[in-house]
Amino acid sequence: MVYITKANFKHILYKFKYKYKYNNLDNILNENIKKIYNENEQKRFLILINLLKECKDFLQSNKIETDFKMTTNKNILNGTLPAFHEDYFCEFLSNDLDAIYLPENLEELNINKIEYEKWLAQNSKLLSKNFDLFVKKQIARFGEDLKFPNEIHEENSGVADTENIKVSKKNLKKEVIRIFDEICEKIPKNSKGIEIAQNSYIAYIYEKEDVYKYHIKENYECLKEIHNLKKKLTPVLEKLYHLEYNPNLSFSKEFLENIGFKPCRNCIF
């Protein structure tokens, strides 16, 4: 088995849509979770779990190892193909992710990407040290219409502290129960209560007047409150599933090579 970072696992998961078939793991999802998440939301959890478990049927039925390919992230400065790590103690597996996303309208403004990347590499330190000066320099060089790049920092380590997994799982479960109980308090105690909880996203997709069409107009504010709580609950559940099914994000080398990962050079030598 080899290892990948949390950030690269997120990139894999991001490419998966609801169209993918998944193993029937309904029994894995707690009945209380099914009560507040709709079918598509449940699918996302099941796809996540299938990936974490590296279920062979799931990979084969979706032709993932033949049709699915990771590529260089062209929106990141100096982006490269993702790597897997054979050494569990590799420094790059433990490092956090620090990257710079390029302006999203580069192509729209017909600005040469190579030229901008070269300029950005020379001026990138100004993003955090003197952003006002960076703004002035970019406008002077590329004009006022170009949006600004975005620095990101993500907890990236694929390494799990196995001694603390039980403690972490216990704390995460407490947090799940706390948020779930808060959601239950918001759910109307009527026949439409479950429908409202499962379809809380409606309040953010449609204007208030359009929500009236869903015969839940009297619960518009309730929809928003429940949806905000579910947005807090979802990442906690995902972390819990990570610890439950694949705490170290370890996968077979063959699977990762088939979907476009390259070996980490630091691990080779």
C-alpha atoms as a PDB file:
ATOM      1  CA  MET A   1       0.000   0.000   0.000  1.00  0.00           C
ATOM      2  CA  VAL A   2       1.082   3.592  -0.663  1.00  0.00           C
ATOM      3  CA  TYR A   3      -0.171   6.903   0.722  1.00  0.00           C
ATOM      4  CA  ILE A   4      -1.585  10.199  -0.554  1.00  0.00           C
ATOM      5  CA  THR A   5      -2.262  13.565   1.050  1.00  0.00           C
ATOM      6  CA  LYS A   6      -5.644  14.812   2.174  1.00  0.00           C
ATOM      7  CA  ALA A   7      -5.548  17.498  -0.519  1.00  0.00           C
ATOM      8  CA  ASN A   8      -5.036  14.954  -3.302  1.00  0.00           C
ATOM      9  CA  PHE A   9      -7.818  12.775  -1.944  1.00  0.00           C
ATOM     10  CA  LYS A  10     -10.099  15.840  -2.040  1.00  0.00           C
ATOM     11  CA  HIS A  11      -9.145  16.344  -5.688  1.00  0.00           C
ATOM     12  CA  ILE A  12     -10.109  12.758  -6.492  1.00  0.00           C
ATOM     13  CA  LEU A  13     -13.414  13.053  -4.659  1.00  0.00           C
ATOM     14  CA  TYR A  14     -14.192  16.409  -6.298  1.00  0.00           C
ATOM     15  CA  LYS A  15     -14.194  14.769  -9.735  1.00  0.00           C
ATOM     16  CA  PHE A  16     -16.899  12.307  -8.740  1.00  0.00           C
ATOM     17  CA  LYS A  17     -20.463  13.261  -9.582  1.00  0.00           C
ATOM     18  CA  TYR A  18     -23.804  11.802  -8.637  1.00  0.00           C
ATOM     19  CA  LYS A  19     -23.867   9.765 -11.871  1.00  0.00           C
ATOM     20  CA  TYR A  20     -21.392   7.261 -10.448  1.00  0.00           C
ATOM     21  CA  LYS A  21     -22.760   3.956  -9.285  1.00  0.00           C
ATOM     22  CA  TYR A  22     -21.723   2.780  -5.861  1.00  0.00           C
ATOM     23  CA  ASN A  23     -21.851  -0.402  -3.841  1.00  0.00           C
ATOM     24  CA  ASN A  24     -25.004  -0.799  -1.821  1.00  0.00           C
ATOM     25  CA  LEU A  25     -23.638   0.306   1.531  1.00  0.00           C
ATOM     26  CA  ASP A  26     -26.868   1.787   2.855  1.00  0.00           C
ATOM     27  CA  ASN A  27     -26.397  -0.027   6.126  1.00  0.00           C
ATOM     28  CA  ILE A  28     -23.239   2.035   6.702  1.00  0.00           C
ATOM     29  CA  LEU A  29     -25.189   5.286   6.878  1.00  0.00           C
ATOM     30  CA  ASN A  30     -26.878   5.829  10.212  1.00  0.00           C
ATOM     31  CA  GLU A  31     -30.682   6.048   9.997  1.00  0.00           C
ATOM     32  CA  ASN A  32     -30.549   9.476  11.620  1.00  0.00           C
ATOM     33  CA  ILE A  33     -28.235  10.674   8.848  1.00  0.00           C
ATOM     34  CA  LYS A  34     -30.678   9.417   6.205  1.00  0.00           C
ATOM     35  CA  LYS A  35     -33.408  11.362   7.964  1.00  0.00           C
ATOM     36  CA  ILE A  36     -31.806  14.779   7.349  1.00  0.00           C
ATOM     37  CA  TYR A  37     -29.883  14.250   4.086  1.00  0.00           C
ATOM     38  CA  ASN A  38     -31.575  13.807   0.714  1.00  0.00           C
ATOM     39  CA  GLU A  39     -30.721  11.068  -1.777  1.00  0.00           C
ATOM     40  CA  ASN A  40     -28.021  13.007  -3.637  1.00  0.00           C
ATOM     41  CA  GLU A  41     -26.375  14.070  -0.385  1.00  0.00           C
ATOM     42  CA  GLN A  42     -26.386  10.460   0.786  1.00  0.00           C
ATOM     43  CA  LYS A  43     -24.807   9.432  -2.513  1.00  0.00           C
ATOM     44  CA  ARG A  44     -21.880  11.756  -1.852  1.00  0.00           C
ATOM     45  CA  PHE A  45     -21.246  10.064   1.476  1.00  0.00           C
ATOM     46  CA  LEU A  46     -21.499   6.606  -0.107  1.00  0.00           C
ATOM     47  CA  ILE A  47     -19.115   7.533  -2.921  1.00  0.00           C
ATOM     48  CA  LEU A  48     -16.681   8.859  -0.313  1.00  0.00           C
ATOM     49  CA  ILE A  49     -16.863   5.603   1.662  1.00  0.00           C
ATOM     50  CA  ASN A  50     -16.504   3.477  -1.489  1.00  0.00           C
ATOM     51  CA  LEU A  51     -13.338   5.371  -2.380  1.00  0.00           C
ATOM     52  CA  LEU A  52     -11.925   5.142   1.132  1.00  0.00           C
ATOM     53  CA  LYS A  53     -12.538   1.391   1.142  1.00  0.00           C
ATOM     54  CA  GLU A  54     -11.209   1.143  -2.440  1.00  0.00           C
ATOM     55  CA  CYS A  55     -14.120  -1.141  -3.283  1.00  0.00           C
ATOM     56  CA  LYS A  56     -13.183  -3.156  -6.369  1.00  0.00           C
ATOM     57  CA  ASP A  57     -16.771  -3.483  -7.599  1.00  0.00           C
ATOM     58  CA  PHE A  58     -17.184   0.282  -7.373  1.00  0.00           C
ATOM     59  CA  LEU A  59     -13.979   0.929  -9.356  1.00  0.00           C
ATOM     60  CA  GLN A  60     -14.786  -1.667 -12.022  1.00  0.00           C
ATOM     61  CA  SER A  61     -18.467  -0.823 -12.529  1.00  0.00           C
ATOM     62  CA  ASN A  62     -17.574   2.814 -13.140  1.00  0.00           C
ATOM     63  CA  LYS A  63     -14.465   1.987 -15.237  1.00  0.00           C
ATOM     64  CA  ILE A  64     -12.571   4.333 -12.956  1.00  0.00           C
ATOM     65  CA  GLU A  65      -9.156   2.753 -13.455  1.00  0.00           C
ATOM     66  CA  THR A  66      -9.447   3.053 -17.258  1.00  0.00           C
ATOM     67  CA  ASP A  67     -11.540   6.174 -17.890  1.00  0.00           C
ATOM     68  CA  PHE A  68     -10.702   8.359 -14.880  1.00  0.00           C
ATOM     69  CA  LYS A  69      -7.440  10.322 -14.975  1.00  0.00           C
ATOM     70  CA  MET A  70      -5.947  12.886 -12.646  1.00  0.00           C
ATOM     71  CA  THR A  71      -4.274  15.750 -14.494  1.00  0.00           C
ATOM     72  CA  THR A  72      -1.974  18.620 -13.694  1.00  0.00           C
ATOM     73  CA  ASN A  73      -3.927  21.408 -12.024  1.00  0.00           C
ATOM     74  CA  LYS A  74      -3.519  24.165 -14.599  1.00  0.00           C
ATOM     75  CA  ASN A  75      -5.090  26.730 -12.275  1.00  0.00           C
ATOM     76  CA  ILE A  76      -2.255  26.523  -9.744  1.00  0.00           C
ATOM     77  CA  LEU A  77       1.119  28.206 -10.125  1.00  0.00           C
ATOM     78  CA  ASN A  78       3.696  25.525 -11.000  1.00  0.00           C
ATOM     79  CA  GLY A  79       1.054  22.782 -10.768  1.00  0.00           C
ATOM     80  CA  THR A  80       2.274  19.202 -11.208  1.00  0.00           C
ATOM     81  CA  LEU A  81       0.781  15.728 -11.425  1.00  0.00           C
ATOM     82  CA  PRO A  82      -0.248  14.384  -7.992  1.00  0.00           C
ATOM     83  CA  ALA A  83       2.139  11.935  -6.331  1.00  0.00           C
ATOM     84  CA  PHE A  84       1.758   8.904  -4.105  1.00  0.00           C
ATOM     85  CA  HIS A  85       4.217   8.137  -1.310  1.00  0.00           C
ATOM     86  CA  GLU A  86       5.759   4.779  -0.521  1.00  0.00           C
ATOM     87  CA  ASP A  87       7.448   6.130   2.602  1.00  0.00           C
ATOM     88  CA  TYR A  88       4.925   6.767   5.385  1.00  0.00           C
ATOM     89  CA  PHE A  89       7.377   9.226   6.934  1.00  0.00           C
ATOM     90  CA  CYS A  90       8.056  11.196   3.741  1.00  0.00           C
ATOM     91  CA  GLU A  91       8.306  14.908   4.541  1.00  0.00           C
ATOM     92  CA  PHE A  92       6.102  15.781   1.550  1.00  0.00           C
ATOM     93  CA  LEU A  93       3.325  13.539   2.814  1.00  0.00           C
ATOM     94  CA  SER A  94       3.355  15.437   6.105  1.00  0.00           C
ATOM     95  CA  ASN A  95       3.611  18.938   4.642  1.00  0.00           C
ATOM     96  CA  ASP A  96       0.630  21.258   4.500  1.00  0.00           C
ATOM     97  CA  LEU A  97      -0.503  22.501   1.103  1.00  0.00           C
ATOM     98  CA  ASP A  98       0.557  26.023   0.204  1.00  0.00           C
ATOM     99  CA  ALA A  99      -0.374  27.046  -3.315  1.00  0.00           C
ATOM    100  CA  ILE A 100      -1.430  30.006  -5.420  1.00  0.00           C
ATOM    101  CA  TYR A 101      -4.490  29.827  -7.667  1.00  0.00           C
ATOM    102  CA  LEU A 102      -4.108  31.849 -10.851  1.00  0.00           C
ATOM    103  CA  PRO A 103      -6.677  34.553 -11.762  1.00  0.00           C
ATOM    104  CA  GLU A 104      -9.742  32.836 -13.207  1.00  0.00           C
ATOM    105  CA  ASN A 105     -10.142  35.289 -16.116  1.00  0.00           C
ATOM    106  CA  LEU A 106      -6.619  34.966 -17.580  1.00  0.00           C
ATOM    107  CA  GLU A 107      -7.850  33.163 -20.691  1.00  0.00           C
ATOM    108  CA  GLU A 108     -10.880  35.419 -21.058  1.00  0.00           C
ATOM    109  CA  LEU A 109      -8.591  38.481 -21.263  1.00  0.00           C
ATOM    110  CA  ASN A 110      -6.210  36.703 -23.663  1.00  0.00           C
ATOM    111  CA  ILE A 111      -3.289  37.151 -21.284  1.00  0.00           C
ATOM    112  CA  ASN A 112      -0.399  34.800 -21.956  1.00  0.00           C
ATOM    113  CA  LYS A 113      -0.454  32.232 -19.156  1.00  0.00           C
ATOM    114  CA  ILE A 114       3.279  31.460 -19.287  1.00  0.00           C
ATOM    115  CA  GLU A 115       4.140  35.153 -19.161  1.00  0.00           C
ATOM    116  CA  TYR A 116       1.806  35.733 -16.188  1.00  0.00           C
ATOM    117  CA  GLU A 117       3.111  32.684 -14.299  1.00  0.00           C
ATOM    118  CA  LYS A 118       6.697  33.883 -14.741  1.00  0.00           C
ATOM    119  CA  TRP A 119       5.737  37.358 -13.467  1.00  0.00           C
ATOM    120  CA  LEU A 120       3.742  35.886 -10.555  1.00  0.00           C
ATOM    121  CA  ALA A 121       6.651  33.652  -9.501  1.00  0.00           C
ATOM    122  CA  GLN A 122       8.826  36.763  -9.226  1.00  0.00           C
ATOM    123  CA  ASN A 123       6.223  38.724  -7.242  1.00  0.00           C
ATOM    124  CA  SER A 124       4.384  36.038  -5.265  1.00  0.00           C
ATOM    125  CA  LYS A 125       5.915  36.977  -1.894  1.00  0.00           C
ATOM    126  CA  LEU A 126       4.149  40.338  -2.093  1.00  0.00           C
ATOM    127  CA  LEU A 127       0.757  38.582  -1.851  1.00  0.00           C
ATOM    128  CA  SER A 128       1.242  38.040   1.867  1.00  0.00           C
ATOM    129  CA  LYS A 129       3.865  40.677   2.688  1.00  0.00           C
ATOM    130  CA  ASN A 130       2.575  43.727   0.802  1.00  0.00           C
ATOM    131  CA  PHE A 131      -0.674  43.062  -1.041  1.00  0.00           C
ATOM    132  CA  ASP A 132      -1.271  46.752  -1.875  1.00  0.00           C
ATOM    133  CA  LEU A 133       2.035  46.889  -3.726  1.00  0.00           C
ATOM    134  CA  PHE A 134       1.197  43.602  -5.483  1.00  0.00           C
ATOM    135  CA  VAL A 135      -2.096  45.107  -6.682  1.00  0.00           C
ATOM    136  CA  LYS A 136      -0.356  48.193  -8.062  1.00  0.00           C
ATOM    137  CA  LYS A 137       2.272  46.126  -9.875  1.00  0.00           C
ATOM    138  CA  GLN A 138      -0.273  43.733 -11.420  1.00  0.00           C
ATOM    139  CA  ILE A 139      -2.511  46.574 -12.623  1.00  0.00           C
ATOM    140  CA  ALA A 140       0.488  48.366 -14.111  1.00  0.00           C
ATOM    141  CA  ARG A 141       1.570  45.220 -15.963  1.00  0.00           C
ATOM    142  CA  PHE A 142      -1.715  43.515 -16.905  1.00  0.00           C
ATOM    143  CA  GLY A 143      -4.476  46.116 -16.497  1.00  0.00           C
ATOM    144  CA  GLU A 144      -7.369  46.634 -14.089  1.00  0.00           C
ATOM    145  CA  ASP A 145      -9.657  43.899 -15.442  1.00  0.00           C
ATOM    146  CA  LEU A 146      -7.487  40.959 -14.423  1.00  0.00           C
ATOM    147  CA  LYS A 147      -8.600  39.382 -11.154  1.00  0.00           C
ATOM    148  CA  PHE A 148      -6.027  38.697  -8.475  1.00  0.00           C
ATOM    149  CA  PRO A 149      -4.480  35.322  -7.628  1.00  0.00           C
ATOM    150  CA  ASN A 150      -5.535  33.586  -4.445  1.00  0.00           C
ATOM    151  CA  GLU A 151      -3.187  32.049  -1.884  1.00  0.00           C
ATOM    152  CA  ILE A 152      -4.458  28.894  -0.220  1.00  0.00           C
ATOM    153  CA  HIS A 153      -3.287  26.950   2.794  1.00  0.00           C
ATOM    154  CA  GLU A 154      -4.771  23.563   3.601  1.00  0.00           C
ATOM    155  CA  GLU A 155      -4.037  21.000   6.249  1.00  0.00           C
ATOM    156  CA  ASN A 156      -2.574  18.478   3.873  1.00  0.00           C
ATOM    157  CA  SER A 157      -0.995  15.687   5.866  1.00  0.00           C
ATOM    158  CA  GLY A 158      -1.996  12.172   4.936  1.00  0.00           C
ATOM    159  CA  VAL A 159      -0.341  10.922   8.104  1.00  0.00           C
ATOM    160  CA  ALA A 160      -2.664  10.009  10.959  1.00  0.00           C
ATOM    161  CA  ASP A 161      -1.635   9.792  14.589  1.00  0.00           C
ATOM    162  CA  THR A 162      -2.829   6.234  15.153  1.00  0.00           C
ATOM    163  CA  GLU A 163      -2.537   6.555  18.923  1.00  0.00           C
ATOM    164  CA  ASN A 164      -5.089   9.346  18.891  1.00  0.00           C
ATOM    165  CA  ILE A 165      -7.537   7.865  16.370  1.00  0.00           C
ATOM    166  CA  LYS A 166      -9.849   6.516  19.072  1.00  0.00           C
ATOM    167  CA  VAL A 167      -9.833   9.855  20.878  1.00  0.00           C
ATOM    168  CA  SER A 168     -10.453  11.747  17.625  1.00  0.00           C
ATOM    169  CA  LYS A 169     -13.326   9.452  16.643  1.00  0.00           C
ATOM    170  CA  LYS A 170     -14.893   9.879  20.075  1.00  0.00           C
ATOM    171  CA  ASN A 171     -14.667  13.676  19.842  1.00  0.00           C
ATOM    172  CA  LEU A 172     -16.012  13.724  16.294  1.00  0.00           C
ATOM    173  CA  LYS A 173     -18.976  11.557  17.277  1.00  0.00           C
ATOM    174  CA  LYS A 174     -19.757  13.964  20.109  1.00  0.00           C
ATOM    175  CA  GLU A 175     -19.703  16.841  17.638  1.00  0.00           C
ATOM    176  CA  VAL A 176     -21.947  14.931  15.200  1.00  0.00           C
ATOM    177  CA  ILE A 177     -24.482  14.282  17.957  1.00  0.00           C
ATOM    178  CA  ARG A 178     -24.359  17.903  19.112  1.00  0.00           C
ATOM    179  CA  ILE A 179     -25.049  19.348  15.637  1.00  0.00           C
ATOM    180  CA  PHE A 180     -27.613  16.660  14.822  1.00  0.00           C
ATOM    181  CA  ASP A 181     -29.548  17.445  18.008  1.00  0.00           C
ATOM    182  CA  GLU A 182     -29.488  21.125  17.063  1.00  0.00           C
ATOM    183  CA  ILE A 183     -30.893  20.295  13.620  1.00  0.00           C
ATOM    184  CA  CYS A 184     -33.650  18.188  15.188  1.00  0.00           C
ATOM    185  CA  GLU A 185     -34.675  21.149  17.321  1.00  0.00           C
ATOM    186  CA  LYS A 186     -35.140  23.208  14.150  1.00  0.00           C
ATOM    187  CA  ILE A 187     -37.180  20.604  12.243  1.00  0.00           C
ATOM    188  CA  PRO A 188     -40.901  21.444  12.352  1.00  0.00           C
ATOM    189  CA  LYS A 189     -42.912  18.891  14.290  1.00  0.00           C
ATOM    190  CA  ASN A 190     -45.334  18.178  11.466  1.00  0.00           C
ATOM    191  CA  SER A 191     -45.741  15.846   8.487  1.00  0.00           C
ATOM    192  CA  LYS A 192     -43.384  17.973   6.346  1.00  0.00           C
ATOM    193  CA  GLY A 193     -40.561  18.049   8.873  1.00  0.00           C
ATOM    194  CA  ILE A 194     -38.342  15.396   7.234  1.00  0.00           C
ATOM    195  CA  GLU A 195     -39.000  16.827   3.758  1.00  0.00           C
ATOM    196  CA  ILE A 196     -37.867  20.245   4.966  1.00  0.00           C
ATOM    197  CA  ALA A 197     -34.680  18.888   6.547  1.00  0.00           C
ATOM    198  CA  GLN A 198     -33.738  16.884   3.444  1.00  0.00           C
ATOM    199  CA  ASN A 199     -34.433  19.739   1.029  1.00  0.00           C
ATOM    200  CA  SER A 200     -32.951  22.598   3.021  1.00  0.00           C
ATOM    201  CA  TYR A 201     -30.702  23.496   0.058  1.00  0.00           C
ATOM    202  CA  ILE A 202     -33.770  24.945  -1.706  1.00  0.00           C
ATOM    203  CA  ALA A 203     -33.535  28.114   0.376  1.00  0.00           C
ATOM    204  CA  TYR A 204     -30.120  28.831  -1.199  1.00  0.00           C
ATOM    205  CA  ILE A 205     -30.932  27.890  -4.774  1.00  0.00           C
ATOM    206  CA  TYR A 206     -34.182  29.784  -5.156  1.00  0.00           C
ATOM    207  CA  GLU A 207     -35.419  33.220  -4.193  1.00  0.00           C
ATOM    208  CA  LYS A 208     -37.899  33.371  -1.353  1.00  0.00           C
ATOM    209  CA  GLU A 209     -40.838  33.797  -3.723  1.00  0.00           C
ATOM    210  CA  ASP A 210     -39.852  30.711  -5.717  1.00  0.00           C
ATOM    211  CA  VAL A 211     -39.655  28.635  -2.542  1.00  0.00           C
ATOM    212  CA  TYR A 212     -43.399  29.220  -2.234  1.00  0.00           C
ATOM    213  CA  LYS A 213     -43.834  26.771  -5.101  1.00  0.00           C
ATOM    214  CA  TYR A 214     -42.526  24.025  -2.835  1.00  0.00           C
ATOM    215  CA  HIS A 215     -45.446  24.513  -0.426  1.00  0.00           C
ATOM    216  CA  ILE A 216     -43.037  25.238   2.432  1.00  0.00           C
ATOM    217  CA  LYS A 217     -43.123  29.023   2.344  1.00  0.00           C
ATOM    218  CA  GLU A 218     -43.917  29.266   6.040  1.00  0.00           C
ATOM    219  CA  ASN A 219     -40.638  27.463   6.776  1.00  0.00           C
ATOM    220  CA  TYR A 220     -38.247  29.554   4.659  1.00  0.00           C
ATOM    221  CA  GLU A 221     -36.142  30.782   7.595  1.00  0.00           C
ATOM    222  CA  CYS A 222     -36.158  27.298   9.053  1.00  0.00           C
ATOM    223  CA  LEU A 223     -34.774  25.926   5.769  1.00  0.00           C
ATOM    224  CA  LYS A 224     -31.831  28.318   5.913  1.00  0.00           C
ATOM    225  CA  GLU A 225     -31.055  27.529   9.544  1.00  0.00           C
ATOM    226  CA  ILE A 226     -31.114  23.773   8.922  1.00  0.00           C
ATOM    227  CA  HIS A 227     -28.992  24.102   5.789  1.00  0.00           C
ATOM    228  CA  ASN A 228     -26.334  26.115   7.659  1.00  0.00           C
ATOM    229  CA  LEU A 229     -26.203  23.447  10.358  1.00  0.00           C
ATOM    230  CA  LYS A 230     -25.895  20.682   7.747  1.00  0.00           C
ATOM    231  CA  LYS A 231     -22.974  22.584   6.206  1.00  0.00           C
ATOM    232  CA  LYS A 232     -21.283  22.347   9.610  1.00  0.00           C
ATOM    233  CA  LEU A 233     -22.210  18.688  10.077  1.00  0.00           C
ATOM    234  CA  THR A 234     -21.070  17.407   6.667  1.00  0.00           C
ATOM    235  CA  PRO A 235     -17.293  17.973   7.056  1.00  0.00           C
ATOM    236  CA  VAL A 236     -17.412  16.472  10.555  1.00  0.00           C
ATOM    237  CA  LEU A 237     -19.076  13.337   9.172  1.00  0.00           C
ATOM    238  CA  GLU A 238     -16.503  13.162   6.364  1.00  0.00           C
ATOM    239  CA  LYS A 239     -13.642  13.329   8.878  1.00  0.00           C
ATOM    240  CA  LEU A 240     -15.302  10.594  10.894  1.00  0.00           C
ATOM    241  CA  TYR A 241     -15.621   8.361   7.815  1.00  0.00           C
ATOM    242  CA  HIS A 242     -11.934   8.984   7.016  1.00  0.00           C
ATOM    243  CA  LEU A 243     -10.899   7.754  10.450  1.00  0.00           C
ATOM    244  CA  GLU A 244     -13.331   4.867  10.308  1.00  0.00           C
ATOM    245  CA  TYR A 245     -12.443   3.432   6.910  1.00  0.00           C
ATOM    246  CA  ASN A 246      -8.990   4.695   5.875  1.00  0.00           C
ATOM    247  CA  PRO A 247      -7.277   6.908   8.490  1.00  0.00           C
ATOM    248  CA  ASN A 248      -3.926   7.004   6.671  1.00  0.00           C
ATOM    249  CA  LEU A 249      -5.357   7.416   3.160  1.00  0.00           C
ATOM    250  CA  SER A 250      -3.494   4.318   1.993  1.00  0.00           C
ATOM    251  CA  PHE A 251      -4.360   2.799  -1.384  1.00  0.00           C
ATOM    252  CA  SER A 252      -2.949   0.195  -3.716  1.00  0.00           C
ATOM    253  CA  LYS A 253      -0.105   1.453  -5.879  1.00  0.00           C
ATOM    254  CA  GLU A 254      -1.753  -0.037  -8.994  1.00  0.00           C
ATOM    255  CA  PHE A 255      -4.991   1.891  -8.439  1.00  0.00           C
ATOM    256  CA  LEU A 256      -3.228   5.241  -8.038  1.00  0.00           C
ATOM    257  CA  GLU A 257      -0.956   4.675 -11.044  1.00  0.00           C
ATOM    258  CA  ASN A 258      -3.975   3.749 -13.157  1.00  0.00           C
ATOM    259  CA  ILE A 259      -5.721   7.046 -12.390  1.00  0.00           C
ATOM    260  CA  GLY A 260      -2.666   9.194 -13.145  1.00  0.00           C
ATOM    261  CA  PHE A 261      -0.623   9.488  -9.952  1.00  0.00           C
ATOM    262  CA  LYS A 262       3.163   9.441 -10.189  1.00  0.00           C
ATOM    263  CA  PRO A 263       5.596   8.136  -7.545  1.00  0.00           C
ATOM    264  CA  CYS A 264       7.099  10.709  -5.203  1.00  0.00           C
ATOM    265  CA  ARG A 265      10.749  11.205  -6.155  1.00  0.00           C
ATOM    266  CA  ASN A 266      11.676  11.895  -2.550  1.00  0.00           C
ATOM    267  CA  CYS A 267      10.464   8.409  -1.563  1.00  0.00           C
ATOM    268  CA  ILE A 268      12.447   6.707  -4.335  1.00  0.00           C
ATOM    269  CA  PHE A 269      15.883   7.785  -3.151  1.00  0.00           C
END
